[in-house]
Amino acid sequence: MKKIYKVAVTEIYRKVVSVEAQSEKEAHQRAWDAWNNTEIILDLEDFEAAEMHVMDKGQEVSEGKLSEDSYIKGCNYDFGRGKGTAKNGR
Protein backbone atom coordinates (compact mmCIF):
# COMPACT_ATOMS: atom_id res chain seq x y z
CA MET A 1 0.00 0.00 0.00
CA LYS A 2 1.26 3.48 -0.84
CA LYS A 3 1.93 6.13 1.79
CA ILE A 4 1.66 9.90 1.76
CA TYR A 5 4.53 11.76 3.46
CA LYS A 6 4.70 15.34 4.67
CA VAL A 7 7.88 16.94 3.29
CA ALA A 8 9.15 20.37 4.37
CA VAL A 9 10.63 22.30 1.46
CA THR A 10 13.07 25.10 2.35
CA GLU A 11 14.65 27.45 -0.18
CA ILE A 12 17.71 29.51 0.69
CA TYR A 13 18.48 32.79 -1.06
CA ARG A 14 21.51 34.98 -0.36
CA LYS A 15 22.50 38.51 -1.40
CA VAL A 16 25.41 40.53 -0.02
CA VAL A 17 24.67 44.26 0.34
CA SER A 18 26.83 47.16 1.51
CA VAL A 19 25.45 49.06 4.50
CA GLU A 20 26.79 52.34 5.89
CA ALA A 21 26.65 52.31 9.70
CA GLN A 22 28.64 53.18 12.82
CA SER A 23 28.52 49.68 14.29
CA GLU A 24 27.91 46.06 13.35
CA LYS A 25 24.64 46.14 15.30
CA GLU A 26 23.45 49.22 13.40
CA ALA A 27 24.45 47.66 10.05
CA HIS A 28 22.46 44.54 10.95
CA GLN A 29 19.40 46.61 11.90
CA ARG A 30 19.61 48.79 8.78
CA ALA A 31 19.86 45.72 6.55
CA TRP A 32 16.92 44.11 8.34
CA ASP A 33 14.85 47.29 7.99
CA ALA A 34 15.75 47.64 4.29
CA TRP A 35 14.71 44.04 3.64
CA ASN A 36 11.51 44.47 5.65
CA ASN A 37 10.66 47.62 3.62
CA THR A 38 11.31 45.72 0.34
CA GLU A 39 14.38 47.82 -0.46
CA ILE A 40 16.32 44.53 -0.72
CA ILE A 41 14.71 42.03 -3.07
CA LEU A 42 15.97 38.47 -3.43
CA ASP A 43 15.21 36.74 -6.71
CA LEU A 44 16.15 33.64 -8.69
CA GLU A 45 19.70 34.92 -9.27
CA ASP A 46 20.18 34.88 -5.48
CA PHE A 47 19.07 31.25 -5.12
CA GLU A 48 21.66 29.22 -3.23
CA ALA A 49 20.14 25.92 -2.15
CA ALA A 50 17.03 23.89 -1.43
CA GLU A 51 16.46 21.37 1.33
CA MET A 52 13.84 18.65 1.59
CA HIS A 53 13.05 17.01 4.93
CA VAL A 54 10.51 14.23 5.42
CA MET A 55 8.53 15.23 8.52
CA ASP A 56 6.68 12.03 9.35
CA LYS A 57 6.65 8.26 8.86
CA GLY A 58 3.93 8.40 6.23
CA GLN A 59 0.24 7.63 6.29
CA GLU A 60 -1.08 4.64 4.41
CA VAL A 61 -3.86 5.54 2.01
CA SER A 62 -6.06 3.72 -0.44
CA GLU A 63 -5.69 4.77 -4.07
CA GLY A 64 -9.15 6.37 -4.17
CA LYS A 65 -9.01 8.26 -0.86
CA LEU A 66 -7.07 11.38 -2.00
CA SER A 67 -7.80 13.62 -4.93
CA GLU A 68 -5.09 14.08 -7.56
CA ASP A 69 -4.38 17.69 -6.51
CA SER A 70 -3.99 16.98 -2.76
CA TYR A 71 -0.44 15.59 -3.08
CA ILE A 72 2.54 15.43 -5.44
CA LYS A 73 3.07 12.15 -7.22
CA GLY A 74 6.44 13.26 -8.58
CA CYS A 75 7.75 16.51 -10.03
CA ASN A 76 10.95 17.71 -11.67
CA TYR A 77 12.40 21.04 -10.59
CA ASP A 78 15.03 23.08 -12.41
CA PHE A 79 16.54 25.62 -10.01
CA GLY A 80 18.99 27.07 -12.52
CA ARG A 81 22.00 25.56 -10.73
CA GLY A 82 21.04 21.96 -11.18
CA LYS A 83 18.02 19.76 -11.33
CA GLY A 84 16.20 18.03 -8.53
CA THR A 85 13.43 15.50 -8.58
CA ALA A 86 10.91 15.27 -5.77
CA LYS A 87 10.12 11.71 -6.83
CA ASN A 88 13.73 10.54 -6.46
CA GLY A 89 14.65 12.78 -3.53
CA ARG A 90 17.49 14.48 -5.44
PDB file of N, CA and C in Angstrom:
ATOM      1  N   MET A   1       0.845  -1.178   0.000  1.00  0.00           N
ATOM      2  CA  MET A   1       0.000   0.000   0.000  1.00  0.00           C
ATOM      3  C   MET A   1       0.895   1.247   0.000  1.00  0.00           C
ATOM      4  N   LYS A   2       0.496   2.237  -0.767  1.00  0.00           N
ATOM      5  CA  LYS A   2       1.261   3.477  -0.841  1.00  0.00           C
ATOM      6  C   LYS A   2       1.049   4.310   0.405  1.00  0.00           C
ATOM      7  N   LYS A   3       2.018   5.205   0.670  1.00  0.00           N
ATOM      8  CA  LYS A   3       1.929   6.130   1.789  1.00  0.00           C
ATOM      9  C   LYS A   3       2.056   7.558   1.276  1.00  0.00           C
ATOM     10  N   ILE A   4       1.504   8.484   2.027  1.00  0.00           N
ATOM     11  CA  ILE A   4       1.660   9.904   1.761  1.00  0.00           C
ATOM     12  C   ILE A   4       2.526  10.474   2.876  1.00  0.00           C
ATOM     13  N   TYR A   5       3.578  11.177   2.503  1.00  0.00           N
ATOM     14  CA  TYR A   5       4.530  11.758   3.455  1.00  0.00           C
ATOM     15  C   TYR A   5       4.434  13.275   3.433  1.00  0.00           C
ATOM     16  N   LYS A   6       4.589  13.892   4.593  1.00  0.00           N
ATOM     17  CA  LYS A   6       4.703  15.337   4.670  1.00  0.00           C
ATOM     18  C   LYS A   6       6.184  15.675   4.524  1.00  0.00           C
ATOM     19  N   VAL A   7       6.504  16.551   3.566  1.00  0.00           N
ATOM     20  CA  VAL A   7       7.879  16.935   3.292  1.00  0.00           C
ATOM     21  C   VAL A   7       7.987  18.449   3.390  1.00  0.00           C
ATOM     22  N   ALA A   8       8.883  18.934   4.246  1.00  0.00           N
ATOM     23  CA  ALA A   8       9.146  20.373   4.369  1.00  0.00           C
ATOM     24  C   ALA A   8      10.139  20.772   3.292  1.00  0.00           C
ATOM     25  N   VAL A   9       9.782  21.793   2.529  1.00  0.00           N
ATOM     26  CA  VAL A   9      10.628  22.304   1.463  1.00  0.00           C
ATOM     27  C   VAL A   9      11.138  23.679   1.901  1.00  0.00           C
ATOM     28  N   THR A  10      12.459  23.837   1.951  1.00  0.00           N
ATOM     29  CA  THR A  10      13.067  25.103   2.353  1.00  0.00           C
ATOM     30  C   THR A  10      13.973  25.592   1.231  1.00  0.00           C
ATOM     31  N   GLU A  11      13.774  26.837   0.814  1.00  0.00           N
ATOM     32  CA  GLU A  11      14.647  27.451  -0.179  1.00  0.00           C
ATOM     33  C   GLU A  11      15.523  28.489   0.512  1.00  0.00           C
ATOM     34  N   ILE A  12      16.778  28.551   0.100  1.00  0.00           N
ATOM     35  CA  ILE A  12      17.715  29.505   0.689  1.00  0.00           C
ATOM     36  C   ILE A  12      18.195  30.452  -0.405  1.00  0.00           C
ATOM     37  N   TYR A  13      18.011  31.744  -0.160  1.00  0.00           N
ATOM     38  CA  TYR A  13      18.477  32.793  -1.062  1.00  0.00           C
ATOM     39  C   TYR A  13      19.484  33.651  -0.300  1.00  0.00           C
ATOM     40  N   ARG A  14      20.492  34.181  -1.019  1.00  0.00           N
ATOM     41  CA  ARG A  14      21.512  34.984  -0.357  1.00  0.00           C
ATOM     42  C   ARG A  14      21.941  36.125  -1.264  1.00  0.00           C
ATOM     43  N   LYS A  15      22.015  37.330  -0.692  1.00  0.00           N
ATOM     44  CA  LYS A  15      22.504  38.507  -1.404  1.00  0.00           C
ATOM     45  C   LYS A  15      23.363  39.296  -0.424  1.00  0.00           C
ATOM     46  N   VAL A  16      24.527  39.713  -0.859  1.00  0.00           N
ATOM     47  CA  VAL A  16      25.406  40.530  -0.023  1.00  0.00           C
ATOM     48  C   VAL A  16      25.185  41.986  -0.413  1.00  0.00           C
ATOM     49  N   VAL A  17      24.891  42.831   0.572  1.00  0.00           N
ATOM     50  CA  VAL A  17      24.673  44.260   0.340  1.00  0.00           C
ATOM     51  C   VAL A  17      25.641  45.064   1.189  1.00  0.00           C
ATOM     52  N   SER A  18      25.972  46.251   0.742  1.00  0.00           N
ATOM     53  CA  SER A  18      26.831  47.161   1.513  1.00  0.00           C
ATOM     54  C   SER A  18      25.943  48.091   2.322  1.00  0.00           C
ATOM     55  N   VAL A  19      26.264  48.240   3.604  1.00  0.00           N
ATOM     56  CA  VAL A  19      25.453  49.061   4.500  1.00  0.00           C
ATOM     57  C   VAL A  19      26.365  50.038   5.222  1.00  0.00           C
ATOM     58  N   GLU A  20      26.030  51.320   5.160  1.00  0.00           N
ATOM     59  CA  GLU A  20      26.786  52.343   5.889  1.00  0.00           C
ATOM     60  C   GLU A  20      26.219  52.441   7.297  1.00  0.00           C
ATOM     61  N   ALA A  21      27.090  52.275   8.296  1.00  0.00           N
ATOM     62  CA  ALA A  21      26.654  52.312   9.696  1.00  0.00           C
ATOM     63  C   ALA A  21      27.850  52.572  10.597  1.00  0.00           C
ATOM     64  N   GLN A  22      27.577  52.920  11.853  1.00  0.00           N
ATOM     65  CA  GLN A  22      28.644  53.183  12.822  1.00  0.00           C
ATOM     66  C   GLN A  22      29.015  51.952  13.640  1.00  0.00           C
ATOM     67  N   SER A  23      28.216  50.902  13.545  1.00  0.00           N
ATOM     68  CA  SER A  23      28.520  49.680  14.288  1.00  0.00           C
ATOM     69  C   SER A  23      27.944  48.475  13.547  1.00  0.00           C
ATOM     70  N   GLU A  24      28.428  47.309  13.928  1.00  0.00           N
ATOM     71  CA  GLU A  24      27.905  46.061  13.354  1.00  0.00           C
ATOM     72  C   GLU A  24      26.422  45.912  13.666  1.00  0.00           C
ATOM     73  N   LYS A  25      26.042  46.248  14.886  1.00  0.00           N
ATOM     74  CA  LYS A  25      24.642  46.144  15.301  1.00  0.00           C
ATOM     75  C   LYS A  25      23.756  47.057  14.454  1.00  0.00           C
ATOM     76  N   GLU A  26      24.228  48.287  14.218  1.00  0.00           N
ATOM     77  CA  GLU A  26      23.453  49.225  13.401  1.00  0.00           C
ATOM     78  C   GLU A  26      23.359  48.730  11.951  1.00  0.00           C
ATOM     79  N   ALA A  27      24.455  48.191  11.422  1.00  0.00           N
ATOM     80  CA  ALA A  27      24.447  47.661  10.054  1.00  0.00           C
ATOM     81  C   ALA A  27      23.429  46.525   9.940  1.00  0.00           C
ATOM     82  N   HIS A  28      23.417  45.649  10.922  1.00  0.00           N
ATOM     83  CA  HIS A  28      22.460  44.544  10.950  1.00  0.00           C
ATOM     84  C   HIS A  28      21.036  45.084  10.954  1.00  0.00           C
ATOM     85  N   GLN A  29      20.753  46.055  11.798  1.00  0.00           N
ATOM     86  CA  GLN A  29      19.402  46.613  11.901  1.00  0.00           C
ATOM     87  C   GLN A  29      18.994  47.324  10.613  1.00  0.00           C
ATOM     88  N   ARG A  30      19.922  48.080  10.023  1.00  0.00           N
ATOM     89  CA  ARG A  30      19.614  48.788   8.776  1.00  0.00           C
ATOM     90  C   ARG A  30      19.325  47.798   7.642  1.00  0.00           C
ATOM     91  N   ALA A  31      20.096  46.729   7.570  1.00  0.00           N
ATOM     92  CA  ALA A  31      19.861  45.716   6.546  1.00  0.00           C
ATOM     93  C   ALA A  31      18.499  45.053   6.776  1.00  0.00           C
ATOM     94  N   TRP A  32      18.205  44.722   8.014  1.00  0.00           N
ATOM     95  CA  TRP A  32      16.916  44.105   8.341  1.00  0.00           C
ATOM     96  C   TRP A  32      15.773  45.038   7.968  1.00  0.00           C
ATOM     97  N   ASP A  33      15.894  46.313   8.312  1.00  0.00           N
ATOM     98  CA  ASP A  33      14.853  47.291   7.992  1.00  0.00           C
ATOM     99  C   ASP A  33      14.685  47.442   6.472  1.00  0.00           C
ATOM    100  N   ALA A  34      15.805  47.496   5.748  1.00  0.00           N
ATOM    101  CA  ALA A  34      15.747  47.639   4.290  1.00  0.00           C
ATOM    102  C   ALA A  34      15.054  46.432   3.660  1.00  0.00           C
ATOM    103  N   TRP A  35      15.370  45.238   4.141  1.00  0.00           N
ATOM    104  CA  TRP A  35      14.712  44.038   3.635  1.00  0.00           C
ATOM    105  C   TRP A  35      13.217  44.075   3.964  1.00  0.00           C
ATOM    106  N   ASN A  36      12.896  44.423   5.192  1.00  0.00           N
ATOM    107  CA  ASN A  36      11.506  44.467   5.647  1.00  0.00           C
ATOM    108  C   ASN A  36      10.697  45.493   4.851  1.00  0.00           C
ATOM    109  N   ASN A  37      11.333  46.570   4.404  1.00  0.00           N
ATOM    110  CA  ASN A  37      10.664  47.617   3.623  1.00  0.00           C
ATOM    111  C   ASN A  37      10.768  47.362   2.115  1.00  0.00           C
ATOM    112  N   THR A  38      11.152  46.159   1.735  1.00  0.00           N
ATOM    113  CA  THR A  38      11.310  45.719   0.345  1.00  0.00           C
ATOM    114  C   THR A  38      12.307  46.555  -0.456  1.00  0.00           C
ATOM    115  N   GLU A  39      13.297  47.126   0.227  1.00  0.00           N
ATOM    116  CA  GLU A  39      14.384  47.818  -0.462  1.00  0.00           C
ATOM    117  C   GLU A  39      15.435  46.806  -0.923  1.00  0.00           C
ATOM    118  N   ILE A  40      15.458  45.646  -0.305  1.00  0.00           N
ATOM    119  CA  ILE A  40      16.318  44.534  -0.717  1.00  0.00           C
ATOM    120  C   ILE A  40      15.391  43.429  -1.209  1.00  0.00           C
ATOM    121  N   ILE A  41      15.543  43.063  -2.470  1.00  0.00           N
ATOM    122  CA  ILE A  41      14.708  42.030  -3.072  1.00  0.00           C
ATOM    123  C   ILE A  41      15.596  40.863  -3.482  1.00  0.00           C
ATOM    124  N   LEU A  42      15.255  39.683  -3.033  1.00  0.00           N
ATOM    125  CA  LEU A  42      15.972  38.475  -3.426  1.00  0.00           C
ATOM    126  C   LEU A  42      15.175  37.795  -4.536  1.00  0.00           C
ATOM    127  N   ASP A  43      15.887  37.397  -5.599  1.00  0.00           N
ATOM    128  CA  ASP A  43      15.212  36.742  -6.712  1.00  0.00           C
ATOM    129  C   ASP A  43      15.963  35.487  -7.122  1.00  0.00           C
ATOM    130  N   LEU A  44      15.584  34.911  -8.257  1.00  0.00           N
ATOM    131  CA  LEU A  44      16.151  33.636  -8.693  1.00  0.00           C
ATOM    132  C   LEU A  44      17.672  33.674  -8.805  1.00  0.00           C
ATOM    133  N   GLU A  45      18.231  34.802  -9.180  1.00  0.00           N
ATOM    134  CA  GLU A  45      19.698  34.918  -9.273  1.00  0.00           C
ATOM    135  C   GLU A  45      20.380  34.752  -7.915  1.00  0.00           C
ATOM    136  N   ASP A  46      19.635  34.986  -6.835  1.00  0.00           N
ATOM    137  CA  ASP A  46      20.175  34.879  -5.479  1.00  0.00           C
ATOM    138  C   ASP A  46      19.947  33.506  -4.861  1.00  0.00           C
ATOM    139  N   PHE A  47      19.334  32.594  -5.623  1.00  0.00           N
ATOM    140  CA  PHE A  47      19.068  31.252  -5.118  1.00  0.00           C
ATOM    141  C   PHE A  47      20.378  30.537  -4.814  1.00  0.00           C
ATOM    142  N   GLU A  48      20.449  29.922  -3.639  1.00  0.00           N
ATOM    143  CA  GLU A  48      21.659  29.219  -3.233  1.00  0.00           C
ATOM    144  C   GLU A  48      21.450  27.728  -3.040  1.00  0.00           C
ATOM    145  N   ALA A  49      20.343  27.338  -2.442  1.00  0.00           N
ATOM    146  CA  ALA A  49      20.143  25.918  -2.154  1.00  0.00           C
ATOM    147  C   ALA A  49      18.679  25.635  -1.830  1.00  0.00           C
ATOM    148  N   ALA A  50      18.352  24.352  -1.864  1.00  0.00           N
ATOM    149  CA  ALA A  50      17.034  23.894  -1.429  1.00  0.00           C
ATOM    150  C   ALA A  50      17.239  22.658  -0.565  1.00  0.00           C
ATOM    151  N   GLU A  51      16.399  22.530   0.433  1.00  0.00           N
ATOM    152  CA  GLU A  51      16.465  21.373   1.332  1.00  0.00           C
ATOM    153  C   GLU A  51      15.088  20.719   1.389  1.00  0.00           C
ATOM    154  N   MET A  52      15.072  19.414   1.451  1.00  0.00           N
ATOM    155  CA  MET A  52      13.838  18.653   1.588  1.00  0.00           C
ATOM    156  C   MET A  52      13.979  17.754   2.812  1.00  0.00           C
ATOM    157  N   HIS A  53      13.019  17.834   3.725  1.00  0.00           N
ATOM    158  CA  HIS A  53      13.053  17.010   4.934  1.00  0.00           C
ATOM    159  C   HIS A  53      11.711  16.310   5.119  1.00  0.00           C
ATOM    160  N   VAL A  54      11.731  14.998   5.166  1.00  0.00           N
ATOM    161  CA  VAL A  54      10.512  14.230   5.424  1.00  0.00           C
ATOM    162  C   VAL A  54      10.168  14.408   6.899  1.00  0.00           C
ATOM    163  N   MET A  55       8.933  14.840   7.168  1.00  0.00           N
ATOM    164  CA  MET A  55       8.531  15.226   8.519  1.00  0.00           C
ATOM    165  C   MET A  55       7.774  14.151   9.288  1.00  0.00           C
ATOM    166  N   ASP A  56       7.424  13.060   8.634  1.00  0.00           N
ATOM    167  CA  ASP A  56       6.678  12.025   9.345  1.00  0.00           C
ATOM    168  C   ASP A  56       7.017  10.651   8.780  1.00  0.00           C
ATOM    169  N   LYS A  57       6.384   9.626   9.305  1.00  0.00           N
ATOM    170  CA  LYS A  57       6.655   8.258   8.862  1.00  0.00           C
ATOM    171  C   LYS A  57       5.697   7.807   7.765  1.00  0.00           C
ATOM    172  N   GLY A  58       4.846   8.720   7.315  1.00  0.00           N
ATOM    173  CA  GLY A  58       3.931   8.404   6.229  1.00  0.00           C
ATOM    174  C   GLY A  58       2.618   7.844   6.722  1.00  0.00           C
ATOM    175  N   GLN A  59       1.585   8.122   5.961  1.00  0.00           N
ATOM    176  CA  GLN A  59       0.244   7.632   6.286  1.00  0.00           C
ATOM    177  C   GLN A  59      -0.225   6.758   5.134  1.00  0.00           C
ATOM    178  N   GLU A  60      -0.586   5.545   5.442  1.00  0.00           N
ATOM    179  CA  GLU A  60      -1.082   4.644   4.405  1.00  0.00           C
ATOM    180  C   GLU A  60      -2.428   5.145   3.909  1.00  0.00           C
ATOM    181  N   VAL A  61      -2.597   5.093   2.597  1.00  0.00           N
ATOM    182  CA  VAL A  61      -3.861   5.541   2.006  1.00  0.00           C
ATOM    183  C   VAL A  61      -4.259   4.586   0.894  1.00  0.00           C
ATOM    184  N   SER A  62      -5.539   4.482   0.702  1.00  0.00           N
ATOM    185  CA  SER A  62      -6.063   3.723  -0.436  1.00  0.00           C
ATOM    186  C   SER A  62      -5.962   4.611  -1.659  1.00  0.00           C
ATOM    187  N   GLU A  63      -5.830   4.021  -2.822  1.00  0.00           N
ATOM    188  CA  GLU A  63      -5.685   4.772  -4.071  1.00  0.00           C
ATOM    189  C   GLU A  63      -6.801   5.797  -4.263  1.00  0.00           C
ATOM    190  N   GLY A  64      -8.029   5.478  -3.908  1.00  0.00           N
ATOM    191  CA  GLY A  64      -9.154   6.371  -4.170  1.00  0.00           C
ATOM    192  C   GLY A  64      -9.448   7.385  -3.092  1.00  0.00           C
ATOM    193  N   LYS A  65      -8.682   7.401  -1.999  1.00  0.00           N
ATOM    194  CA  LYS A  65      -9.013   8.263  -0.864  1.00  0.00           C
ATOM    195  C   LYS A  65      -8.586   9.713  -1.026  1.00  0.00           C
ATOM    196  N   LEU A  66      -7.546  10.007  -1.819  1.00  0.00           N
ATOM    197  CA  LEU A  66      -7.074  11.377  -1.998  1.00  0.00           C
ATOM    198  C   LEU A  66      -7.298  11.824  -3.431  1.00  0.00           C
ATOM    199  N   SER A  67      -7.655  13.096  -3.574  1.00  0.00           N
ATOM    200  CA  SER A  67      -7.805  13.625  -4.931  1.00  0.00           C
ATOM    201  C   SER A  67      -6.429  13.856  -5.539  1.00  0.00           C
ATOM    202  N   GLU A  68      -6.362  13.928  -6.847  1.00  0.00           N
ATOM    203  CA  GLU A  68      -5.091  14.080  -7.564  1.00  0.00           C
ATOM    204  C   GLU A  68      -4.343  15.340  -7.146  1.00  0.00           C
ATOM    205  N   ASP A  69      -5.046  16.430  -6.812  1.00  0.00           N
ATOM    206  CA  ASP A  69      -4.384  17.690  -6.505  1.00  0.00           C
ATOM    207  C   ASP A  69      -4.036  17.850  -5.023  1.00  0.00           C
ATOM    208  N   SER A  70      -4.270  16.844  -4.183  1.00  0.00           N
ATOM    209  CA  SER A  70      -3.985  16.976  -2.758  1.00  0.00           C
ATOM    210  C   SER A  70      -2.576  16.520  -2.383  1.00  0.00           C
ATOM    211  N   TYR A  71      -1.820  15.990  -3.352  1.00  0.00           N
ATOM    212  CA  TYR A  71      -0.443  15.587  -3.082  1.00  0.00           C
ATOM    213  C   TYR A  71       0.336  15.537  -4.385  1.00  0.00           C
ATOM    214  N   ILE A  72       1.659  15.500  -4.274  1.00  0.00           N
ATOM    215  CA  ILE A  72       2.537  15.435  -5.437  1.00  0.00           C
ATOM    216  C   ILE A  72       2.890  13.982  -5.691  1.00  0.00           C
ATOM    217  N   LYS A  73       2.666  13.509  -6.886  1.00  0.00           N
ATOM    218  CA  LYS A  73       3.067  12.147  -7.223  1.00  0.00           C
ATOM    219  C   LYS A  73       4.531  12.103  -7.612  1.00  0.00           C
ATOM    220  N   GLY A  74       5.049  13.174  -8.153  1.00  0.00           N
ATOM    221  CA  GLY A  74       6.440  13.261  -8.583  1.00  0.00           C
ATOM    222  C   GLY A  74       6.594  14.447  -9.512  1.00  0.00           C
ATOM    223  N   CYS A  75       7.549  15.315  -9.220  1.00  0.00           N
ATOM    224  CA  CYS A  75       7.747  16.513 -10.033  1.00  0.00           C
ATOM    225  C   CYS A  75       9.230  16.738 -10.255  1.00  0.00           C
ATOM    226  N   ASN A  76       9.575  17.302 -11.394  1.00  0.00           N
ATOM    227  CA  ASN A  76      10.951  17.707 -11.674  1.00  0.00           C
ATOM    228  C   ASN A  76      11.073  19.203 -11.452  1.00  0.00           C
ATOM    229  N   TYR A  77      12.145  19.633 -10.839  1.00  0.00           N
ATOM    230  CA  TYR A  77      12.397  21.044 -10.585  1.00  0.00           C
ATOM    231  C   TYR A  77      13.727  21.422 -11.185  1.00  0.00           C
ATOM    232  N   ASP A  78      13.778  22.556 -11.891  1.00  0.00           N
ATOM    233  CA  ASP A  78      15.027  23.084 -12.413  1.00  0.00           C
ATOM    234  C   ASP A  78      15.276  24.415 -11.715  1.00  0.00           C
ATOM    235  N   PHE A  79      16.254  24.444 -10.812  1.00  0.00           N
ATOM    236  CA  PHE A  79      16.541  25.622 -10.014  1.00  0.00           C
ATOM    237  C   PHE A  79      17.590  26.522 -10.644  1.00  0.00           C
ATOM    238  N   GLY A  80      18.007  26.241 -11.868  1.00  0.00           N
ATOM    239  CA  GLY A  80      18.989  27.070 -12.521  1.00  0.00           C
ATOM    240  C   GLY A  80      20.419  26.648 -12.232  1.00  0.00           C
ATOM    241  N   ARG A  81      20.651  26.010 -11.102  1.00  0.00           N
ATOM    242  CA  ARG A  81      22.002  25.564 -10.735  1.00  0.00           C
ATOM    243  C   ARG A  81      22.076  24.047 -10.686  1.00  0.00           C
ATOM    244  N   GLY A  82      21.091  23.415 -11.202  1.00  0.00           N
ATOM    245  CA  GLY A  82      21.042  21.960 -11.180  1.00  0.00           C
ATOM    246  C   GLY A  82      19.604  21.517 -11.153  1.00  0.00           C
ATOM    247  N   LYS A  83      19.390  20.270 -11.298  1.00  0.00           N
ATOM    248  CA  LYS A  83      18.020  19.763 -11.329  1.00  0.00           C
ATOM    249  C   LYS A  83      17.782  18.851 -10.141  1.00  0.00           C
ATOM    250  N   GLY A  84      16.578  18.912  -9.617  1.00  0.00           N
ATOM    251  CA  GLY A  84      16.204  18.030  -8.531  1.00  0.00           C
ATOM    252  C   GLY A  84      14.884  17.376  -8.848  1.00  0.00           C
ATOM    253  N   THR A  85      14.667  16.227  -8.329  1.00  0.00           N
ATOM    254  CA  THR A  85      13.435  15.497  -8.582  1.00  0.00           C
ATOM    255  C   THR A  85      12.810  15.107  -7.257  1.00  0.00           C
ATOM    256  N   ALA A  86      11.624  15.602  -7.014  1.00  0.00           N
ATOM    257  CA  ALA A  86      10.911  15.267  -5.772  1.00  0.00           C
ATOM    258  C   ALA A  86      10.694  13.766  -5.684  1.00  0.00           C
ATOM    259  N   LYS A  87      10.417  13.140  -6.805  1.00  0.00           N
ATOM    260  CA  LYS A  87      10.118  11.708  -6.835  1.00  0.00           C
ATOM    261  C   LYS A  87      11.327  10.881  -6.377  1.00  0.00           C
ATOM    262  N   ASN A  88      12.526  11.288  -6.796  1.00  0.00           N
ATOM    263  CA  ASN A  88      13.733  10.541  -6.464  1.00  0.00           C
ATOM    264  C   ASN A  88      14.464  11.079  -5.231  1.00  0.00           C
ATOM    265  N   GLY A  89      13.995  12.218  -4.709  1.00  0.00           N
ATOM    266  CA  GLY A  89      14.647  12.781  -3.528  1.00  0.00           C
ATOM    267  C   GLY A  89      15.975  13.447  -3.825  1.00  0.00           C
ATOM    268  N   ARG A  90      16.254  13.786  -5.100  1.00  0.00           N
ATOM    269  CA  ARG A  90      17.487  14.477  -5.444  1.00  0.00           C
ATOM    270  C   ARG A  90      17.195  15.734  -6.214  1.00  0.00           C
TER     271      ARG A  90
END
